[in-house]
Amino acid sequence: MATTWTFKIDWNKDGDFSDTSEDVSSRVLQASWFLGFRQPYQDVADNSVLTLVLRNDDRLFSPENASSALYGKLVPFRSVKIESNDGSTTRTHWVGRIETIQPLVS
């Protein structure tokens, strides 16, 4: 069975990741992350980092778009969670918080 990945952002900070627009999985264009040590023999682990690129053709994730359902919620420190499910087990791969949001024109 194929593995299903989910990418969720808790925009309203209620801790449940289940509200409208919090599951951004269908909008993910690119995701990369790392945890801990990145090089052999490091003395101290690096901070865990996620880089997530989302499709934004409707400007849902544009902070200045006052007509967006997420207007006012596109700010730092919102929780993010990445999970996978292989049909029998759900695994959490990354949990953290948004540091910056950078809308780009493509």
Protein backbone atom coordinates (compact mmCIF):
# COMPACT_ATOMS: atom_id res chain seq x y z
CA MET A 1 0.00 0.00 0.00
CA ALA A 2 1.18 3.52 -0.77
CA THR A 3 2.25 5.82 2.03
CA THR A 4 0.09 8.89 2.55
CA TRP A 5 1.78 12.04 3.83
CA THR A 6 -0.03 14.82 5.70
CA PHE A 7 1.22 18.35 6.34
CA LYS A 8 -0.76 20.34 8.89
CA ILE A 9 -0.46 23.86 10.30
CA ASP A 10 -2.42 24.93 13.39
CA TRP A 11 -3.38 28.40 12.17
CA ASN A 12 -5.67 29.24 15.11
CA LYS A 13 -3.39 27.77 17.83
CA ASP A 14 -6.05 25.47 19.32
CA GLY A 15 -3.79 22.40 19.19
CA ASP A 16 -5.98 20.12 17.07
CA PHE A 17 -4.75 20.54 13.44
CA SER A 18 -8.28 19.75 12.22
CA ASP A 19 -9.86 23.09 11.37
CA THR A 20 -10.52 24.45 7.88
CA SER A 21 -7.31 25.11 5.90
CA GLU A 22 -5.08 23.43 8.52
CA ASP A 23 -4.39 20.34 6.38
CA VAL A 24 -2.23 21.83 3.62
CA SER A 25 -1.19 18.44 2.15
CA SER A 26 -2.88 19.00 -1.22
CA ARG A 27 -1.00 22.31 -1.63
CA VAL A 28 2.52 21.04 -0.91
CA LEU A 29 4.86 21.54 -3.87
CA GLN A 30 8.08 20.79 -2.01
CA ALA A 31 9.04 19.72 1.50
CA SER A 32 12.43 19.07 3.05
CA TRP A 33 13.47 18.75 6.66
CA PHE A 34 16.25 17.50 8.86
CA LEU A 35 16.58 16.57 12.50
CA GLY A 36 19.66 16.91 14.65
CA PHE A 37 23.15 16.15 13.38
CA ARG A 38 23.88 17.00 9.75
CA GLN A 39 27.59 16.14 9.61
CA PRO A 40 29.70 13.35 11.06
CA TYR A 41 31.37 14.06 14.41
CA GLN A 42 29.37 17.18 15.22
CA ASP A 43 29.59 18.07 18.92
CA VAL A 44 26.14 19.62 19.12
CA ALA A 45 23.03 18.86 17.06
CA ASP A 46 21.63 21.55 14.76
CA ASN A 47 18.13 22.89 15.22
CA SER A 48 15.54 20.88 13.32
CA VAL A 49 14.44 22.76 10.20
CA LEU A 50 11.53 22.34 7.78
CA THR A 51 11.29 24.14 4.45
CA LEU A 52 7.81 23.90 2.99
CA VAL A 53 6.71 25.34 -0.37
CA LEU A 54 2.94 25.60 -0.84
CA ARG A 55 0.83 26.31 -3.92
CA ASN A 56 -0.71 29.75 -3.41
CA ASP A 57 -2.42 30.58 -6.71
CA ASP A 58 -5.57 31.69 -4.85
CA ARG A 59 -3.46 33.81 -2.40
CA LEU A 60 -4.78 31.92 0.65
CA PHE A 61 -1.29 32.13 2.20
CA SER A 62 -0.60 35.77 1.30
CA PRO A 63 -0.50 37.73 4.60
CA GLU A 64 -1.68 40.98 2.96
CA ASN A 65 -4.77 39.35 1.36
CA ALA A 66 -7.62 40.60 3.56
CA SER A 67 -10.13 38.33 1.78
CA SER A 68 -8.17 35.16 2.69
CA ALA A 69 -9.72 32.81 5.26
CA LEU A 70 -6.31 32.89 6.97
CA TYR A 71 -5.99 36.68 7.11
CA GLY A 72 -4.37 37.67 10.42
CA LYS A 73 -3.29 34.07 11.16
CA LEU A 74 -0.25 33.98 8.85
CA VAL A 75 2.23 34.84 11.55
CA PRO A 76 5.23 33.13 13.17
CA PHE A 77 4.99 30.51 15.92
CA ARG A 78 2.09 28.52 14.48
CA SER A 79 2.60 24.77 15.03
CA VAL A 80 3.39 22.48 12.09
CA LYS A 81 3.19 18.69 11.99
CA ILE A 82 4.22 16.17 9.30
CA GLU A 83 2.87 12.62 9.46
CA SER A 84 2.81 9.55 7.25
CA ASN A 85 0.48 6.58 7.18
CA ASP A 86 1.34 3.32 5.44
CA GLY A 87 -2.14 1.85 5.85
CA SER A 88 -1.55 0.44 9.30
CA THR A 89 0.67 2.87 11.22
CA THR A 90 0.68 6.65 11.53
CA ARG A 91 4.12 8.11 12.17
CA THR A 92 5.03 11.66 13.14
CA HIS A 93 8.15 12.80 11.26
CA TRP A 94 8.48 16.44 12.22
CA VAL A 95 6.87 18.82 14.72
CA GLY A 96 7.85 22.45 15.08
CA ARG A 97 6.76 26.05 14.62
CA ILE A 98 6.75 28.50 11.75
CA GLU A 99 9.62 30.96 11.90
CA THR A 100 8.93 32.95 8.72
CA ILE A 101 6.41 33.08 5.88
CA GLN A 102 7.84 34.29 2.58
CA PRO A 103 5.30 34.61 -0.28
CA LEU A 104 7.06 34.49 -3.64
CA VAL A 105 5.89 35.17 -7.17
CA SER A 106 6.55 32.27 -9.52
